[in-house]
Protein backbone atom coordinates (compact mmCIF):
# COMPACT_ATOMS: atom_id res chain seq x y z
CA MET A 1 21.05 -28.49 27.48
CA ILE A 2 18.80 -31.01 29.23
CA ARG A 3 15.89 -32.41 27.24
CA THR A 4 13.32 -35.18 27.37
CA LEU A 5 14.15 -38.25 25.30
CA LYS A 6 11.76 -39.27 22.54
CA GLN A 7 10.19 -42.73 22.89
CA ASN A 8 12.54 -44.28 20.31
CA GLU A 9 15.58 -42.75 22.07
CA SER A 10 14.45 -44.17 25.42
CA SER A 11 13.90 -47.60 23.87
CA ARG A 12 17.34 -47.46 22.24
CA LEU A 13 19.02 -46.84 25.59
CA LEU A 14 17.19 -49.83 27.10
CA GLU A 15 17.99 -52.14 24.19
CA THR A 16 21.68 -51.24 23.93
CA ASN A 17 22.44 -51.93 27.60
CA TYR A 18 22.14 -54.94 29.88
CA ILE A 19 22.88 -53.57 33.38
CA GLY A 20 20.28 -51.53 35.22
CA ASN A 21 19.03 -50.68 38.69
CA LEU A 22 15.85 -52.48 39.69
CA SER A 23 13.64 -50.58 42.14
CA TYR A 24 11.01 -52.29 44.24
CA ILE A 25 9.10 -51.77 47.48
CA TYR A 26 9.41 -53.92 50.57
CA GLN A 27 7.56 -53.11 53.82
CA ASN A 28 6.74 -49.63 52.51
CA ARG A 29 10.43 -48.83 51.88
CA PRO A 30 12.14 -48.44 48.49
CA PHE A 31 15.03 -50.72 47.57
CA ILE A 32 17.35 -50.66 44.57
CA ALA A 33 19.48 -53.53 43.29
CA PRO A 34 21.67 -53.74 40.18
CA ILE A 35 20.61 -56.48 37.77
CA THR A 36 21.51 -57.89 34.40
CA TYR A 37 18.51 -57.61 32.09
CA PHE A 38 17.46 -57.97 28.47
CA PHE A 39 14.93 -55.64 26.86
CA ASP A 40 12.65 -57.58 24.51
CA LYS A 41 11.52 -54.62 22.43
CA ALA A 42 9.14 -56.65 20.25
CA ASN A 43 7.09 -57.65 23.31
CA ASP A 44 7.78 -54.49 25.35
CA VAL A 45 9.09 -56.45 28.34
CA ILE A 46 12.28 -56.59 30.34
CA ILE A 47 13.54 -60.10 31.10
CA GLY A 48 15.55 -60.86 34.21
CA TYR A 49 16.33 -63.64 36.63
CA SER A 50 17.37 -64.00 40.24
CA ALA A 51 17.84 -66.54 42.97
CA GLU A 52 15.10 -66.88 45.55
CA GLY A 53 15.53 -64.09 48.11
CA HIS A 54 14.69 -60.60 49.29
CA LYS A 55 13.91 -58.90 45.98
CA ILE A 56 11.87 -61.79 44.58
CA ASN A 57 9.84 -62.04 47.80
CA ALA A 58 9.32 -58.27 47.78
CA MET A 59 8.21 -58.19 44.13
CA ARG A 60 5.78 -61.06 44.74
CA LYS A 61 4.12 -58.93 47.45
CA ASN A 62 4.16 -55.64 45.52
CA ASN A 63 4.58 -56.14 41.79
CA ASN A 64 5.02 -52.43 40.95
CA VAL A 65 8.66 -52.04 39.93
CA SER A 66 10.93 -49.86 37.83
CA LEU A 67 14.25 -50.22 36.06
CA SER A 68 16.67 -47.32 35.67
CA VAL A 69 19.35 -47.39 32.97
CA SER A 70 21.92 -44.66 32.40
CA GLY A 71 24.67 -43.91 29.95
CA ILE A 72 27.10 -41.42 31.49
CA ASP A 73 30.12 -39.97 29.71
CA SER A 74 30.52 -36.93 31.96
CA VAL A 75 28.53 -34.50 34.09
CA ASN A 76 27.59 -32.68 30.86
CA SER A 77 26.99 -35.72 28.66
CA TRP A 78 24.55 -38.33 29.89
CA GLU A 79 21.21 -39.99 29.22
CA SER A 80 18.93 -41.84 31.60
CA VAL A 81 15.75 -43.87 31.25
CA LEU A 82 13.18 -45.08 33.77
CA ALA A 83 10.96 -47.99 32.74
CA GLN A 84 8.03 -48.51 35.09
CA GLY A 85 5.96 -51.66 35.02
CA THR A 86 4.69 -54.82 36.60
CA PHE A 87 6.72 -57.81 37.82
CA VAL A 88 5.49 -61.13 36.41
CA GLU A 89 7.10 -64.37 37.60
CA LEU A 90 7.44 -67.07 34.95
CA SER A 91 7.57 -70.82 35.34
CA GLY A 92 8.04 -74.02 33.37
CA SER A 93 8.62 -73.83 29.64
CA ASP A 94 7.86 -70.09 29.60
CA ALA A 95 10.69 -69.48 32.08
CA LYS A 96 13.11 -71.65 30.07
CA ALA A 97 12.19 -69.90 26.81
CA GLN A 98 12.61 -66.43 28.32
CA LEU A 99 15.93 -67.36 29.95
CA HIS A 100 17.11 -68.53 26.52
CA ILE A 101 16.05 -65.22 24.91
CA PHE A 102 17.78 -63.39 27.78
CA SER A 103 21.07 -65.29 27.38
CA LEU A 104 21.20 -64.84 23.59
CA GLY A 105 20.29 -61.16 23.86
CA VAL A 106 22.87 -60.34 26.53
CA LYS A 107 25.50 -62.35 24.65
CA ASP A 108 24.89 -60.36 21.45
CA LEU A 109 25.02 -57.05 23.32
CA ILE A 110 28.33 -57.88 24.97
CA ILE A 111 29.91 -59.16 21.75
CA ASN A 112 28.76 -56.15 19.71
CA LYS A 113 29.27 -53.45 22.34
CA GLU A 114 32.32 -54.64 24.23
CA HIS A 115 33.98 -56.88 21.62
CA ARG A 116 35.00 -59.51 24.13
CA LYS A 117 34.78 -63.28 24.45
CA LEU A 118 32.01 -64.73 26.51
CA ASP A 119 33.36 -67.67 28.43
CA PHE A 120 30.78 -67.04 31.16
CA ILE A 121 27.74 -67.24 28.84
CA SER A 122 27.68 -71.03 29.27
CA GLU A 123 26.57 -70.29 32.86
CA PHE A 124 23.28 -68.92 31.50
CA SER A 125 22.85 -71.75 29.01
CA SER A 126 23.43 -74.41 31.65
CA LYS A 127 20.67 -72.90 33.80
CA ILE A 128 18.16 -73.41 30.98
CA TYR A 129 18.55 -77.19 31.15
CA LYS A 130 18.54 -77.66 34.92
CA ASP A 131 15.44 -78.62 36.83
CA ASP A 132 16.13 -75.98 39.49
CA LEU A 133 15.89 -72.89 37.30
CA PRO A 134 16.49 -69.52 38.87
CA ILE A 135 13.42 -67.34 39.24
CA VAL A 136 12.84 -65.92 35.76
CA PHE A 137 10.68 -62.84 35.47
CA GLN A 138 9.46 -60.15 33.15
CA ILE A 139 8.72 -56.54 33.78
CA LYS A 140 5.74 -55.66 31.64
CA ILE A 141 6.47 -52.05 30.75
CA GLU A 142 3.70 -49.53 31.34
CA GLU A 143 5.69 -46.32 30.86
CA ILE A 144 9.18 -45.30 29.75
CA THR A 145 10.54 -41.82 30.42
CA GLY A 146 13.98 -40.45 29.78
CA LYS A 147 16.20 -37.38 29.92
CA MET A 148 19.52 -36.44 28.40
CA ARG A 149 22.11 -33.71 28.66
CA ARG A 150 24.59 -32.63 26.00
CA ASN A 151 26.66 -29.46 25.99
């Protein structure tokens, strides 16, 4: 049976994952790129970062974006959420603070969900203290929709 997820179920899927597919528009064409993200439920925003490049340039020109997250066990057991919102580029101390929240949030998710060591998490932490931060951004969520199937 396929059904629509309740708001709290959609939020749960976003907050218990950290990999999603970011959709954006560039020159009137849709693009999708996988990203690592953190859902800050308290502020209803998705935090991400990226190097300067195609997707950042595209989102600066058209800030309407979406993030798709799925949990798939089989063809008959899955759930999927689409969060639509607005790209907001951060800078200075705001960017550093959000990157810190991102790194702690993703670290906790990986430790709790995957039960593995995080040797690579120092990569995020080191970026917080460099002068040449990556581009840190939020997606201010306007709407979350979701579906699920269980047989």
